Protein backbone atom coordinates (compact mmCIF):
# COMPACT_ATOMS: atom_id res chain seq x y z
CA MET A 1 10.23 48.79 43.25
CA LYS A 2 13.31 50.50 41.22
CA VAL A 3 14.58 49.77 37.46
CA ASN A 4 18.55 49.52 36.98
CA ILE A 5 20.15 49.93 34.06
CA CYS A 6 22.95 47.60 32.94
CA VAL A 7 24.64 47.79 29.85
CA ASN A 8 26.88 45.42 27.83
CA PHE A 9 29.68 46.17 25.60
CA PRO A 10 31.59 44.31 22.78
CA GLY A 11 35.01 44.95 24.51
CA ASN A 12 34.78 48.32 24.81
CA CYS A 13 33.28 49.64 27.97
CA ALA A 14 36.31 51.11 29.81
CA ASP A 15 36.58 53.47 26.56
CA ALA A 16 33.03 54.29 26.72
CA ILE A 17 32.86 55.21 30.29
CA ALA A 18 35.64 57.27 29.73
CA TYR A 19 33.96 58.83 26.86
CA TYR A 20 30.92 59.62 28.71
CA GLU A 21 32.59 60.51 31.74
CA GLN A 22 34.47 63.30 29.16
CA HIS A 23 30.96 64.44 27.26
CA LEU A 24 28.21 63.60 29.84
CA GLY A 25 29.39 64.20 33.25
CA ALA A 26 29.47 60.11 33.95
CA LYS A 27 31.29 59.43 37.49
CA LEU A 28 33.28 55.83 37.72
CA MET A 29 32.09 54.47 40.83
CA GLY A 30 34.24 51.17 40.86
CA LYS A 31 35.69 49.30 38.21
CA MET A 32 36.44 45.55 38.03
CA ILE A 33 38.50 43.55 35.51
CA TRP A 34 37.57 39.92 34.34
CA SER A 35 41.18 38.52 35.90
CA ASP A 36 39.90 40.28 39.08
CA MET A 37 37.40 37.79 39.54
CA PRO A 38 37.80 35.34 42.12
CA GLY A 39 37.81 31.39 41.59
CA ASP A 40 39.34 29.29 39.08
CA PRO A 41 41.18 31.68 35.80
CA LYS A 42 39.89 29.06 33.61
CA ASN A 43 36.43 30.64 33.75
CA VAL A 44 37.76 33.76 32.33
CA PRO A 45 37.00 33.51 28.72
CA PRO A 46 39.96 34.20 26.17
CA GLY A 47 40.91 37.55 25.83
CA MET A 48 38.70 38.94 28.32
CA GLU A 49 41.30 39.10 30.99
CA ASN A 50 41.43 42.79 30.95
CA LYS A 51 38.20 44.09 29.89
CA VAL A 52 35.41 45.43 32.22
CA LEU A 53 33.61 42.35 34.43
CA HIS A 54 31.21 44.82 36.45
CA ALA A 55 31.29 49.00 36.59
CA ARG A 56 28.73 51.20 37.70
CA PHE A 57 28.60 54.97 36.82
CA ARG A 58 26.60 57.51 37.94
CA LEU A 59 24.73 59.75 34.98
CA GLY A 60 22.80 62.70 35.76
CA ASP A 61 20.59 60.98 38.90
CA THR A 62 21.10 57.09 37.38
CA VAL A 63 23.48 54.91 38.54
CA VAL A 64 24.26 52.53 35.62
CA MET A 65 26.27 49.12 35.61
CA ALA A 66 28.35 48.21 32.71
CA SER A 67 30.16 45.55 31.22
CA ASP A 68 32.38 44.01 28.62
CA GLY A 69 30.76 40.39 27.31
CA PRO A 70 32.41 37.79 24.82
CA LYS A 71 29.51 37.83 22.30
CA VAL A 72 27.42 41.16 22.59
CA GLU A 73 25.47 42.40 19.95
CA PRO A 74 24.35 46.23 19.73
CA MET A 75 20.73 46.83 21.38
CA ARG A 76 17.93 46.59 18.75
CA SER A 77 14.96 47.85 20.97
CA ALA A 78 15.87 49.50 24.14
CA TYR A 79 17.51 53.32 24.16
CA LEU A 80 18.71 55.33 26.92
CA SER A 81 16.89 58.67 26.95
CA LEU A 82 18.76 61.93 28.20
CA SER A 83 16.08 64.57 29.01
CA MET A 84 18.04 68.11 28.86
CA ASP A 85 16.57 71.27 30.09
CA SER A 86 17.72 73.43 26.53
CA ASN A 87 18.25 73.10 22.91
CA GLU A 88 21.79 73.97 23.35
CA GLU A 89 22.31 71.24 25.68
CA ALA A 90 20.28 69.01 23.56
CA GLU A 91 22.38 70.11 20.64
CA ARG A 92 25.98 69.60 22.33
CA ILE A 93 25.17 66.15 24.00
CA TYR A 94 23.67 64.87 20.35
CA ALA A 95 27.00 65.80 18.55
CA ALA A 96 28.88 64.45 20.99
CA LEU A 97 27.09 60.87 20.61
CA THR A 98 26.44 60.52 17.33
CA ASP A 99 30.43 61.60 16.66
CA GLY A 100 31.11 57.89 15.04
CA GLY A 101 27.70 56.54 15.42
CA GLU A 102 24.66 55.79 13.85
CA VAL A 103 22.01 58.07 13.48
CA PHE A 104 18.30 56.89 13.39
CA MET A 105 16.31 60.16 13.60
CA ALA A 106 18.48 63.45 13.13
CA MET A 107 18.22 65.96 15.72
CA GLY A 108 14.98 68.73 15.16
CA GLU A 109 11.52 69.68 16.43
CA THR A 110 8.59 67.38 16.81
CA PHE A 111 5.28 67.89 17.92
CA PHE A 112 6.17 66.58 21.39
CA ALA A 113 9.64 68.09 21.82
CA HIS A 114 11.84 71.16 20.79
CA ARG A 115 14.89 68.76 20.13
CA PHE A 116 14.69 65.24 19.44
CA GLY A 117 16.74 62.54 17.80
CA GLN A 118 17.56 58.97 18.11
CA PHE A 119 20.55 57.20 17.46
CA ARG A 120 23.40 54.57 18.12
CA ASP A 121 26.96 55.55 19.50
CA LYS A 122 30.09 54.33 18.42
CA PHE A 123 30.42 51.88 21.49
CA GLY A 124 26.79 50.18 20.62
CA VAL A 125 24.52 51.78 22.90
CA ASN A 126 21.12 53.14 21.79
CA TRP A 127 20.38 56.96 22.84
CA MET A 128 17.49 59.62 22.92
CA VAL A 129 17.98 62.96 23.26
CA ILE A 130 14.98 65.38 23.98
CA HIS A 131 14.04 68.93 25.42
CA GLU A 132 10.52 68.50 25.69
CA LYS A 133 7.69 70.70 25.10
CA PRO A 134 5.15 71.21 27.85
CA MET A 135 2.40 68.84 27.55
CA GLY A 136 -1.04 69.71 29.08
CA PRO A 137 -3.48 67.52 31.19
CA ARG A 138 -5.53 65.13 29.19
């Protein structure tokens, strides 16, 4: 079994992917806008013609699917978690993704991580950034 990630955006999907390319090294693999959808153009929600119907981008070792929807609300209970190899990289990513976003837990040290923070970015996506501490066997 393989779990895939699909993130829906409220009309800013292309901007989010461009931001993730710039700050996270994401690589766009393909993109289709609503007006490119085969079939009756009446099936395209009004105002969505130039928005993203389906995109795929690589983020590290993970492929993320993304799209714009006419009535998308910010995620409430799911987070994309980025595991970093250093405090410096965790701090850099945290700073980039919290710019214009909402911090739920400020970046800091915890019993399980050298650095850990939780937030929603300016595009409505919830993130956790972590530089984990080694954990022994139980």
